């Protein structure tokens, strides 16, 4: 477990998390809690390094234009699903996904 953010600087926070997670985990599980030197900026610095990797950008990101086209396709697909559904809510369709997005 990596602790990040300003709240983790509260006295005893790391120890409390470690103790509470340890009490919930099976005995044969290893529980490690890591408090970085600069927990306030640790997540930001990690994300900064991640987006600097060409492989990440090529495989996990899309341009603003690609995103806008995908949203247009989602809207069209959702309208068709609602029309064909005879009034019943369609729920999650193939076009609805959880996506991490970085606009370049």
PDB file of N, CA and C in Angstrom:
ATOM      1  N   UNK A   1       0.863  -1.163   0.000  1.00  0.00           N
ATOM      2  CA  UNK A   1       0.000   0.000   0.000  1.00  0.00           C
ATOM      3  C   UNK A   1       0.909   1.225   0.000  1.00  0.00           C
ATOM      4  N   UNK A   2       0.674   2.121  -0.950  1.00  0.00           N
ATOM      5  CA  UNK A   2       1.444   3.361  -1.033  1.00  0.00           C
ATOM      6  C   UNK A   2       0.536   4.496  -0.574  1.00  0.00           C
ATOM      7  N   UNK A   3       0.964   5.194   0.447  1.00  0.00           N
ATOM      8  CA  UNK A   3       0.180   6.302   0.988  1.00  0.00           C
ATOM      9  C   UNK A   3       0.580   7.593   0.281  1.00  0.00           C
ATOM     10  N   UNK A   4      -0.418   8.344  -0.219  1.00  0.00           N
ATOM     11  CA  UNK A   4      -0.142   9.624  -0.867  1.00  0.00           C
ATOM     12  C   UNK A   4      -1.145  10.669  -0.399  1.00  0.00           C
ATOM     13  N   UNK A   5      -0.762  11.918  -0.567  1.00  0.00           N
ATOM     14  CA  UNK A   5      -1.638  13.021  -0.191  1.00  0.00           C
ATOM     15  C   UNK A   5      -1.235  13.603   1.156  1.00  0.00           C
ATOM     16  N   UNK A   6      -1.729  14.783   1.432  1.00  0.00           N
ATOM     17  CA  UNK A   6      -1.363  15.486   2.655  1.00  0.00           C
ATOM     18  C   UNK A   6      -1.863  14.837   3.936  1.00  0.00           C
ATOM     19  N   UNK A   7      -3.010  14.172   3.868  1.00  0.00           N
ATOM     20  CA  UNK A   7      -3.591  13.554   5.062  1.00  0.00           C
ATOM     21  C   UNK A   7      -2.690  12.489   5.661  1.00  0.00           C
ATOM     22  N   UNK A   8      -1.895  11.822   4.827  1.00  0.00           N
ATOM     23  CA  UNK A   8      -1.045  10.742   5.331  1.00  0.00           C
ATOM     24  C   UNK A   8       0.074  11.268   6.223  1.00  0.00           C
ATOM     25  N   UNK A   9       0.241  12.579   6.280  1.00  0.00           N
ATOM     26  CA  UNK A   9       1.255  13.167   7.151  1.00  0.00           C
ATOM     27  C   UNK A   9       0.784  13.311   8.600  1.00  0.00           C
ATOM     28  N   UNK A  10      -0.478  13.014   8.857  1.00  0.00           N
ATOM     29  CA  UNK A  10      -0.978  13.055  10.233  1.00  0.00           C
ATOM     30  C   UNK A  10      -0.182  12.074  11.086  1.00  0.00           C
ATOM     31  N   UNK A  11       0.137  12.451  12.300  1.00  0.00           N
ATOM     32  CA  UNK A  11       0.913  11.563  13.171  1.00  0.00           C
ATOM     33  C   UNK A  11       0.207  10.212  13.366  1.00  0.00           C
ATOM     34  N   UNK A  12       0.955   9.130  13.168  1.00  0.00           N
ATOM     35  CA  UNK A  12       0.429   7.789  13.384  1.00  0.00           C
ATOM     36  C   UNK A  12      -0.418   7.231  12.263  1.00  0.00           C
ATOM     37  N   UNK A  13      -0.593   7.966  11.166  1.00  0.00           N
ATOM     38  CA  UNK A  13      -1.468   7.517  10.077  1.00  0.00           C
ATOM     39  C   UNK A  13      -0.974   6.214   9.461  1.00  0.00           C
ATOM     40  N   UNK A  14       0.312   6.177   9.112  1.00  0.00           N
ATOM     41  CA  UNK A  14       0.875   4.981   8.484  1.00  0.00           C
ATOM     42  C   UNK A  14       0.697   3.767   9.390  1.00  0.00           C
ATOM     43  N   UNK A  15       1.005   3.914  10.652  1.00  0.00           N
ATOM     44  CA  UNK A  15       0.897   2.810  11.598  1.00  0.00           C
ATOM     45  C   UNK A  15      -0.550   2.334  11.737  1.00  0.00           C
ATOM     46  N   UNK A  16      -1.480   3.281  11.752  1.00  0.00           N
ATOM     47  CA  UNK A  16      -2.893   2.906  11.875  1.00  0.00           C
ATOM     48  C   UNK A  16      -3.376   2.125  10.649  1.00  0.00           C
ATOM     49  N   UNK A  17      -3.011   2.610   9.455  1.00  0.00           N
ATOM     50  CA  UNK A  17      -3.397   1.895   8.234  1.00  0.00           C
ATOM     51  C   UNK A  17      -2.814   0.484   8.258  1.00  0.00           C
ATOM     52  N   UNK A  18      -1.550   0.389   8.602  1.00  0.00           N
ATOM     53  CA  UNK A  18      -0.883  -0.917   8.643  1.00  0.00           C
ATOM     54  C   UNK A  18      -1.571  -1.855   9.636  1.00  0.00           C
ATOM     55  N   UNK A  19      -1.901  -1.350  10.806  1.00  0.00           N
ATOM     56  CA  UNK A  19      -2.546  -2.154  11.844  1.00  0.00           C
ATOM     57  C   UNK A  19      -3.955  -2.598  11.401  1.00  0.00           C
ATOM     58  N   UNK A  20      -4.724  -1.680  10.822  1.00  0.00           N
ATOM     59  CA  UNK A  20      -6.090  -2.012  10.432  1.00  0.00           C
ATOM     60  C   UNK A  20      -6.127  -2.979   9.246  1.00  0.00           C
ATOM     61  N   UNK A  21      -5.254  -2.782   8.280  1.00  0.00           N
ATOM     62  CA  UNK A  21      -5.214  -3.699   7.139  1.00  0.00           C
ATOM     63  C   UNK A  21      -4.714  -5.067   7.603  1.00  0.00           C
ATOM     64  N   UNK A  22      -3.717  -5.074   8.464  1.00  0.00           N
ATOM     65  CA  UNK A  22      -3.192  -6.341   8.992  1.00  0.00           C
ATOM     66  C   UNK A  22      -4.294  -7.125   9.705  1.00  0.00           C
ATOM     67  N   UNK A  23      -5.169  -6.439  10.439  1.00  0.00           N
ATOM     68  CA  UNK A  23      -6.238  -7.123  11.164  1.00  0.00           C
ATOM     69  C   UNK A  23      -7.293  -7.706  10.221  1.00  0.00           C
ATOM     70  N   UNK A  24      -7.394  -7.172   9.008  1.00  0.00           N
ATOM     71  CA  UNK A  24      -8.378  -7.655   8.031  1.00  0.00           C
ATOM     72  C   UNK A  24      -7.815  -8.734   7.099  1.00  0.00           C
ATOM     73  N   UNK A  25      -6.501  -8.744   6.936  1.00  0.00           N
ATOM     74  CA  UNK A  25      -5.871  -9.666   5.980  1.00  0.00           C
ATOM     75  C   UNK A  25      -5.628 -11.025   6.633  1.00  0.00           C
ATOM     76  N   UNK A  26      -5.686 -12.088   5.825  1.00  0.00           N
ATOM     77  CA  UNK A  26      -5.334 -13.412   6.349  1.00  0.00           C
ATOM     78  C   UNK A  26      -3.892 -13.424   6.868  1.00  0.00           C
ATOM     79  N   UNK A  27      -3.609 -14.285   7.812  1.00  0.00           N
ATOM     80  CA  UNK A  27      -2.287 -14.333   8.449  1.00  0.00           C
ATOM     81  C   UNK A  27      -1.156 -14.591   7.461  1.00  0.00           C
ATOM     82  N   UNK A  28      -1.422 -15.329   6.402  1.00  0.00           N
ATOM     83  CA  UNK A  28      -0.362 -15.664   5.457  1.00  0.00           C
ATOM     84  C   UNK A  28      -0.120 -14.568   4.406  1.00  0.00           C
ATOM     85  N   UNK A  29      -0.826 -13.447   4.491  1.00  0.00           N
ATOM     86  CA  UNK A  29      -0.627 -12.330   3.563  1.00  0.00           C
ATOM     87  C   UNK A  29       0.398 -11.368   4.160  1.00  0.00           C
ATOM     88  N   UNK A  30       1.280 -10.866   3.299  1.00  0.00           N
ATOM     89  CA  UNK A  30       2.243  -9.849   3.712  1.00  0.00           C
ATOM     90  C   UNK A  30       1.578  -8.487   3.542  1.00  0.00           C
ATOM     91  N   UNK A  31       1.636  -7.673   4.568  1.00  0.00           N
ATOM     92  CA  UNK A  31       1.075  -6.321   4.493  1.00  0.00           C
ATOM     93  C   UNK A  31       2.232  -5.337   4.619  1.00  0.00           C
ATOM     94  N   UNK A  32       2.394  -4.536   3.576  1.00  0.00           N
ATOM     95  CA  UNK A  32       3.439  -3.506   3.599  1.00  0.00           C
ATOM     96  C   UNK A  32       2.792  -2.167   3.303  1.00  0.00           C
ATOM     97  N   UNK A  33       3.123  -1.186   4.084  1.00  0.00           N
ATOM     98  CA  UNK A  33       2.619   0.173   3.884  1.00  0.00           C
ATOM     99  C   UNK A  33       3.826   1.074   3.681  1.00  0.00           C
ATOM    100  N   UNK A  34       3.830   1.786   2.573  1.00  0.00           N
ATOM    101  CA  UNK A  34       4.954   2.654   2.210  1.00  0.00           C
ATOM    102  C   UNK A  34       4.523   4.112   2.280  1.00  0.00           C
ATOM    103  N   UNK A  35       5.288   4.903   2.993  1.00  0.00           N
ATOM    104  CA  UNK A  35       5.063   6.348   3.083  1.00  0.00           C
ATOM    105  C   UNK A  35       6.242   7.043   2.405  1.00  0.00           C
ATOM    106  N   UNK A  36       6.039   7.592   1.200  1.00  0.00           N
ATOM    107  CA  UNK A  36       7.133   8.253   0.483  1.00  0.00           C
ATOM    108  C   UNK A  36       7.635   9.489   1.225  1.00  0.00           C
ATOM    109  N   UNK A  37       8.833   9.926   0.868  1.00  0.00           N
ATOM    110  CA  UNK A  37       9.402  11.133   1.484  1.00  0.00           C
ATOM    111  C   UNK A  37       8.510  12.349   1.255  1.00  0.00           C
ATOM    112  N   UNK A  38       7.942  12.452   0.053  1.00  0.00           N
ATOM    113  CA  UNK A  38       7.085  13.580  -0.305  1.00  0.00           C
ATOM    114  C   UNK A  38       5.718  13.050  -0.753  1.00  0.00           C
ATOM    115  N   UNK A  39       4.880  12.615   0.194  1.00  0.00           N
ATOM    116  CA  UNK A  39       3.609  12.003  -0.185  1.00  0.00           C
ATOM    117  C   UNK A  39       2.636  12.969  -0.861  1.00  0.00           C
ATOM    118  N   UNK A  40       2.817  14.264  -0.645  1.00  0.00           N
ATOM    119  CA  UNK A  40       1.913  15.253  -1.240  1.00  0.00           C
ATOM    120  C   UNK A  40       2.050  15.261  -2.761  1.00  0.00           C
ATOM    121  N   UNK A  41       3.259  15.113  -3.260  1.00  0.00           N
ATOM    122  CA  UNK A  41       3.497  15.184  -4.698  1.00  0.00           C
ATOM    123  C   UNK A  41       3.822  13.831  -5.325  1.00  0.00           C
ATOM    124  N   UNK A  42       3.854  12.778  -4.545  1.00  0.00           N
ATOM    125  CA  UNK A  42       4.290  11.464  -5.024  1.00  0.00           C
ATOM    126  C   UNK A  42       3.429  10.948  -6.178  1.00  0.00           C
ATOM    127  N   UNK A  43       2.122  11.020  -6.066  1.00  0.00           N
ATOM    128  CA  UNK A  43       1.238  10.526  -7.129  1.00  0.00           C
ATOM    129  C   UNK A  43       1.403  11.366  -8.391  1.00  0.00           C
ATOM    130  N   UNK A  44       1.510  12.677  -8.232  1.00  0.00           N
ATOM    131  CA  UNK A  44       1.689  13.548  -9.391  1.00  0.00           C
ATOM    132  C   UNK A  44       2.992  13.231 -10.106  1.00  0.00           C
ATOM    133  N   UNK A  45       4.073  13.050  -9.341  1.00  0.00           N
ATOM    134  CA  UNK A  45       5.371  12.750  -9.950  1.00  0.00           C
ATOM    135  C   UNK A  45       5.327  11.408 -10.684  1.00  0.00           C
ATOM    136  N   UNK A  46       4.639  10.427 -10.120  1.00  0.00           N
ATOM    137  CA  UNK A  46       4.501   9.130 -10.785  1.00  0.00           C
ATOM    138  C   UNK A  46       3.737   9.244 -12.087  1.00  0.00           C
ATOM    139  N   UNK A  47       2.652   9.987 -12.079  1.00  0.00           N
ATOM    140  CA  UNK A  47       1.861  10.189 -13.294  1.00  0.00           C
ATOM    141  C   UNK A  47       2.672  10.955 -14.333  1.00  0.00           C
ATOM    142  N   UNK A  48       3.441  11.922 -13.866  1.00  0.00           N
ATOM    143  CA  UNK A  48       4.291  12.703 -14.764  1.00  0.00           C
ATOM    144  C   UNK A  48       5.288  11.801 -15.482  1.00  0.00           C
ATOM    145  N   UNK A  49       5.908  10.898 -14.751  1.00  0.00           N
ATOM    146  CA  UNK A  49       6.855   9.961 -15.356  1.00  0.00           C
ATOM    147  C   UNK A  49       6.144   9.009 -16.321  1.00  0.00           C
ATOM    148  N   UNK A  50       4.946   8.575 -15.961  1.00  0.00           N
ATOM    149  CA  UNK A  50       4.191   7.642 -16.799  1.00  0.00           C
ATOM    150  C   UNK A  50       3.874   8.248 -18.162  1.00  0.00           C
ATOM    151  N   UNK A  51       3.395   9.481 -18.201  1.00  0.00           N
ATOM    152  CA  UNK A  51       3.014  10.092 -19.473  1.00  0.00           C
ATOM    153  C   UNK A  51       4.221  10.469 -20.320  1.00  0.00           C
ATOM    154  N   UNK A  52       5.393  10.445 -19.744  1.00  0.00           N
ATOM    155  CA  UNK A  52       6.606  10.713 -20.520  1.00  0.00           C
ATOM    156  C   UNK A  52       7.079   9.481 -21.286  1.00  0.00           C
ATOM    157  N   UNK A  53       6.478   8.326 -21.009  1.00  0.00           N
ATOM    158  CA  UNK A  53       6.855   7.084 -21.685  1.00  0.00           C
ATOM    159  C   UNK A  53       6.063   6.960 -22.984  1.00  0.00           C
ATOM    160  N   UNK A  54       6.771   6.858 -24.101  1.00  0.00           N
ATOM    161  CA  UNK A  54       6.136   6.787 -25.415  1.00  0.00           C
ATOM    162  C   UNK A  54       5.177   5.603 -25.510  1.00  0.00           C
ATOM    163  N   UNK A  55       5.549   4.465 -24.962  1.00  0.00           N
ATOM    164  CA  UNK A  55       4.692   3.277 -25.026  1.00  0.00           C
ATOM    165  C   UNK A  55       3.335   3.536 -24.363  1.00  0.00           C
ATOM    166  N   UNK A  56       3.347   4.193 -23.216  1.00  0.00           N
ATOM    167  CA  UNK A  56       2.095   4.526 -22.527  1.00  0.00           C
ATOM    168  C   UNK A  56       1.228   5.426 -23.403  1.00  0.00           C
ATOM    169  N   UNK A  57       1.838   6.450 -23.987  1.00  0.00           N
ATOM    170  CA  UNK A  57       1.082   7.376 -24.815  1.00  0.00           C
ATOM    171  C   UNK A  57       0.497   6.678 -26.038  1.00  0.00           C
ATOM    172  N   UNK A  58       1.277   5.792 -26.648  1.00  0.00           N
ATOM    173  CA  UNK A  58       0.809   5.097 -27.853  1.00  0.00           C
ATOM    174  C   UNK A  58      -0.325   4.124 -27.557  1.00  0.00           C
ATOM    175  N   UNK A  59      -0.275   3.432 -26.421  1.00  0.00           N
ATOM    176  CA  UNK A  59      -1.224   2.369 -26.133  1.00  0.00           C
ATOM    177  C   UNK A  59      -2.407   2.787 -25.261  1.00  0.00           C
ATOM    178  N   UNK A  60      -2.261   3.847 -24.497  1.00  0.00           N
ATOM    179  CA  UNK A  60      -3.281   4.157 -23.501  1.00  0.00           C
ATOM    180  C   UNK A  60      -3.945   5.518 -23.667  1.00  0.00           C
ATOM    181  N   UNK A  61      -3.519   6.289 -24.641  1.00  0.00           N
ATOM    182  CA  UNK A  61      -4.045   7.650 -24.777  1.00  0.00           C
ATOM    183  C   UNK A  61      -4.629   7.859 -26.173  1.00  0.00           C
ATOM    184  N   UNK A  62      -5.460   8.869 -26.274  1.00  0.00           N
ATOM    185  CA  UNK A  62      -6.020   9.247 -27.564  1.00  0.00           C
ATOM    186  C   UNK A  62      -6.007  10.766 -27.671  1.00  0.00           C
ATOM    187  N   UNK A  63      -6.044  11.242 -28.916  1.00  0.00           N
ATOM    188  CA  UNK A  63      -6.076  12.681 -29.142  1.00  0.00           C
ATOM    189  C   UNK A  63      -7.477  13.213 -28.837  1.00  0.00           C
ATOM    190  N   UNK A  64      -7.587  14.530 -28.736  1.00  0.00           N
ATOM    191  CA  UNK A  64      -8.888  15.149 -28.507  1.00  0.00           C
ATOM    192  C   UNK A  64      -9.835  14.824 -29.653  1.00  0.00           C
ATOM    193  N   UNK A  65      -9.329  14.826 -30.884  1.00  0.00           N
ATOM    194  CA  UNK A  65     -10.161  14.517 -32.045  1.00  0.00           C
ATOM    195  C   UNK A  65     -10.669  13.069 -31.972  1.00  0.00           C
ATOM    196  N   UNK A  66      -9.802  12.109 -31.617  1.00  0.00           N
ATOM    197  CA  UNK A  66     -10.228  10.713 -31.477  1.00  0.00           C
ATOM    198  C   UNK A  66     -11.314  10.593 -30.415  1.00  0.00           C
ATOM    199  N   UNK A  67     -11.168  11.308 -29.314  1.00  0.00           N
ATOM    200  CA  UNK A  67     -12.150  11.258 -28.229  1.00  0.00           C
ATOM    201  C   UNK A  67     -13.497  11.811 -28.698  1.00  0.00           C
ATOM    202  N   UNK A  68     -13.467  12.954 -29.418  1.00  0.00           N
ATOM    203  CA  UNK A  68     -14.711  13.554 -29.898  1.00  0.00           C
ATOM    204  C   UNK A  68     -15.430  12.617 -30.867  1.00  0.00           C
ATOM    205  N   UNK A  69     -14.689  11.946 -31.749  1.00  0.00           N
ATOM    206  CA  UNK A  69     -15.291  10.998 -32.691  1.00  0.00           C
ATOM    207  C   UNK A  69     -15.902   9.830 -31.922  1.00  0.00           C
ATOM    208  N   UNK A  70     -15.200   9.337 -30.914  1.00  0.00           N
ATOM    209  CA  UNK A  70     -15.732   8.206 -30.144  1.00  0.00           C
ATOM    210  C   UNK A  70     -16.996   8.604 -29.392  1.00  0.00           C
ATOM    211  N   UNK A  71     -17.072   9.832 -28.904  1.00  0.00           N
ATOM    212  CA  UNK A  71     -18.272  10.300 -28.203  1.00  0.00           C
ATOM    213  C   UNK A  71     -19.447  10.410 -29.174  1.00  0.00           C
ATOM    214  N   UNK A  72     -19.188  10.854 -30.409  1.00  0.00           N
ATOM    215  CA  UNK A  72     -20.246  10.926 -31.429  1.00  0.00           C
ATOM    216  C   UNK A  72     -20.779   9.529 -31.723  1.00  0.00           C
ATOM    217  N   UNK A  73     -19.878   8.552 -31.838  1.00  0.00           N
ATOM    218  CA  UNK A  73     -20.299   7.172 -32.101  1.00  0.00           C
ATOM    219  C   UNK A  73     -21.097   6.624 -30.920  1.00  0.00           C
ATOM    220  N   UNK A  74     -20.683   6.932 -29.678  1.00  0.00           N
ATOM    221  CA  UNK A  74     -21.419   6.488 -28.493  1.00  0.00           C
ATOM    222  C   UNK A  74     -22.832   7.051 -28.488  1.00  0.00           C
ATOM    223  N   UNK A  75     -22.965   8.336 -28.814  1.00  0.00           N
ATOM    224  CA  UNK A  75     -24.277   8.978 -28.833  1.00  0.00           C
ATOM    225  C   UNK A  75     -25.186   8.319 -29.856  1.00  0.00           C
ATOM    226  N   UNK A  76     -24.671   8.055 -31.055  1.00  0.00           N
ATOM    227  CA  UNK A  76     -25.452   7.407 -32.106  1.00  0.00           C
ATOM    228  C   UNK A  76     -25.863   6.004 -31.675  1.00  0.00           C
ATOM    229  N   UNK A  77     -24.942   5.239 -31.135  1.00  0.00           N
ATOM    230  CA  UNK A  77     -25.227   3.871 -30.683  1.00  0.00           C
ATOM    231  C   UNK A  77     -26.269   3.868 -29.574  1.00  0.00           C
ATOM    232  N   UNK A  78     -26.152   4.786 -28.623  1.00  0.00           N
ATOM    233  CA  UNK A  78     -27.105   4.854 -27.512  1.00  0.00           C
ATOM    234  C   UNK A  78     -28.498   5.247 -27.992  1.00  0.00           C
ATOM    235  N   UNK A  79     -28.580   6.172 -28.962  1.00  0.00           N
ATOM    236  CA  UNK A  79     -29.889   6.568 -29.495  1.00  0.00           C
ATOM    237  C   UNK A  79     -30.544   5.403 -30.228  1.00  0.00           C
ATOM    238  N   UNK A  80     -29.763   4.631 -30.971  1.00  0.00           N
ATOM    239  CA  UNK A  80     -30.297   3.465 -31.680  1.00  0.00           C
ATOM    240  C   UNK A  80     -30.769   2.408 -30.683  1.00  0.00           C
ATOM    241  N   UNK A  81     -30.012   2.210 -29.606  1.00  0.00           N
ATOM    242  CA  UNK A  81     -30.385   1.206 -28.605  1.00  0.00           C
ATOM    243  C   UNK A  81     -31.684   1.606 -27.914  1.00  0.00           C
ATOM    244  N   UNK A  82     -31.864   2.879 -27.606  1.00  0.00           N
ATOM    245  CA  UNK A  82     -33.086   3.335 -26.943  1.00  0.00           C
ATOM    246  C   UNK A  82     -34.290   3.190 -27.866  1.00  0.00           C
ATOM    247  N   UNK A  83     -34.111   3.478 -29.152  1.00  0.00           N
ATOM    248  CA  UNK A  83     -35.205   3.362 -30.110  1.00  0.00           C
ATOM    249  C   UNK A  83     -35.634   1.909 -30.266  1.00  0.00           C
ATOM    250  N   UNK A  84     -34.671   1.005 -30.307  1.00  0.00           N
ATOM    251  CA  UNK A  84     -34.973  -0.423 -30.520  1.00  0.00           C
ATOM    252  C   UNK A  84     -35.421  -1.120 -29.249  1.00  0.00           C
ATOM    253  N   UNK A  85     -35.385  -0.428 -28.124  1.00  0.00           N
ATOM    254  CA  UNK A  85     -35.599  -1.086 -26.835  1.00  0.00           C
ATOM    255  C   UNK A  85     -37.041  -1.105 -26.367  1.00  0.00           C
ATOM    256  N   UNK A  86     -37.944  -0.435 -27.044  1.00  0.00           N
ATOM    257  CA  UNK A  86     -39.361  -0.380 -26.667  1.00  0.00           C
ATOM    258  C   UNK A  86     -39.585   0.165 -25.261  1.00  0.00           C
ATOM    259  N   UNK A  87     -38.830   1.204 -24.903  1.00  0.00           N
ATOM    260  CA  UNK A  87     -39.088   1.877 -23.639  1.00  0.00           C
ATOM    261  C   UNK A  87     -38.371   1.327 -22.423  1.00  0.00           C
ATOM    262  N   UNK A  88     -37.641   0.244 -22.524  1.00  0.00           N
ATOM    263  CA  UNK A  88     -36.905  -0.291 -21.381  1.00  0.00           C
ATOM    264  C   UNK A  88     -35.499   0.286 -21.418  1.00  0.00           C
ATOM    265  N   UNK A  89     -35.008   0.712 -20.282  1.00  0.00           N
ATOM    266  CA  UNK A  89     -33.681   1.295 -20.216  1.00  0.00           C
ATOM    267  C   UNK A  89     -32.621   0.293 -20.667  1.00  0.00           C
ATOM    268  N   UNK A  90     -31.720   0.691 -21.583  1.00  0.00           N
ATOM    269  CA  UNK A  90     -30.774  -0.258 -22.155  1.00  0.00           C
ATOM    270  C   UNK A  90     -29.635  -0.680 -21.236  1.00  0.00           C
ATOM    271  N   UNK A  91     -29.337   0.055 -20.179  1.00  0.00           N
ATOM    272  CA  UNK A  91     -28.207  -0.319 -19.325  1.00  0.00           C
ATOM    273  C   UNK A  91     -26.891  -0.034 -20.018  1.00  0.00           C
ATOM    274  N   UNK A  92     -25.833  -0.711 -19.590  1.00  0.00           N
ATOM    275  CA  UNK A  92     -24.521  -0.490 -20.177  1.00  0.00           C
ATOM    276  C   UNK A  92     -24.402  -1.235 -21.494  1.00  0.00           C
ATOM    277  N   UNK A  93     -24.043  -0.510 -22.547  1.00  0.00           N
ATOM    278  CA  UNK A  93     -23.864  -1.130 -23.851  1.00  0.00           C
ATOM    279  C   UNK A  93     -22.396  -1.301 -24.170  1.00  0.00           C
ATOM    280  N   UNK A  94     -22.109  -1.878 -25.310  1.00  0.00           N
ATOM    281  CA  UNK A  94     -20.733  -2.112 -25.715  1.00  0.00           C
ATOM    282  C   UNK A  94     -19.966  -0.816 -25.881  1.00  0.00           C
ATOM    283  N   UNK A  95     -20.661   0.256 -26.225  1.00  0.00           N
ATOM    284  CA  UNK A  95     -19.966   1.516 -26.476  1.00  0.00           C
ATOM    285  C   UNK A  95     -19.655   2.277 -25.188  1.00  0.00           C
ATOM    286  N   UNK A  96     -20.214   1.853 -24.070  1.00  0.00           N
ATOM    287  CA  UNK A  96     -19.980   2.550 -22.815  1.00  0.00           C
ATOM    288  C   UNK A  96     -18.881   1.828 -22.048  1.00  0.00           C
ATOM    289  N   UNK A  97     -17.744   2.504 -21.864  1.00  0.00           N
ATOM    290  CA  UNK A  97     -16.592   1.909 -21.210  1.00  0.00           C
ATOM    291  C   UNK A  97     -16.016   2.904 -20.215  1.00  0.00           C
ATOM    292  N   UNK A  98     -15.291   2.366 -19.233  1.00  0.00           N
ATOM    293  CA  UNK A  98     -14.506   3.238 -18.374  1.00  0.00           C
ATOM    294  C   UNK A  98     -13.189   3.459 -19.082  1.00  0.00           C
ATOM    295  N   UNK A  99     -12.820   4.719 -19.301  1.00  0.00           N
ATOM    296  CA  UNK A  99     -11.631   5.019 -20.051  1.00  0.00           C
ATOM    297  C   UNK A  99     -10.821   6.081 -19.322  1.00  0.00           C
ATOM    298  N   UNK A 100      -9.523   5.819 -19.179  1.00  0.00           N
ATOM    299  CA  UNK A 100      -8.618   6.859 -18.701  1.00  0.00           C
ATOM    300  C   UNK A 100      -8.279   7.731 -19.889  1.00  0.00           C
ATOM    301  N   UNK A 101      -8.267   9.027 -19.729  1.00  0.00           N
ATOM    302  CA  UNK A 101      -8.113   9.922 -20.881  1.00  0.00           C
ATOM    303  C   UNK A 101      -7.120  11.018 -20.585  1.00  0.00           C
ATOM    304  N   UNK A 102      -6.218  11.207 -21.509  1.00  0.00           N
ATOM    305  CA  UNK A 102      -5.310  12.351 -21.466  1.00  0.00           C
ATOM    306  C   UNK A 102      -5.494  13.070 -22.788  1.00  0.00           C
ATOM    307  N   UNK A 103      -5.908  14.327 -22.752  1.00  0.00           N
ATOM    308  CA  UNK A 103      -6.116  15.100 -23.980  1.00  0.00           C
ATOM    309  C   UNK A 103      -4.822  15.817 -24.313  1.00  0.00           C
ATOM    310  N   UNK A 104      -4.344  15.581 -25.537  1.00  0.00           N
ATOM    311  CA  UNK A 104      -3.075  16.199 -25.968  1.00  0.00           C
ATOM    312  C   UNK A 104      -3.344  17.311 -26.940  1.00  0.00           C
TER     313      UNK A 104
END
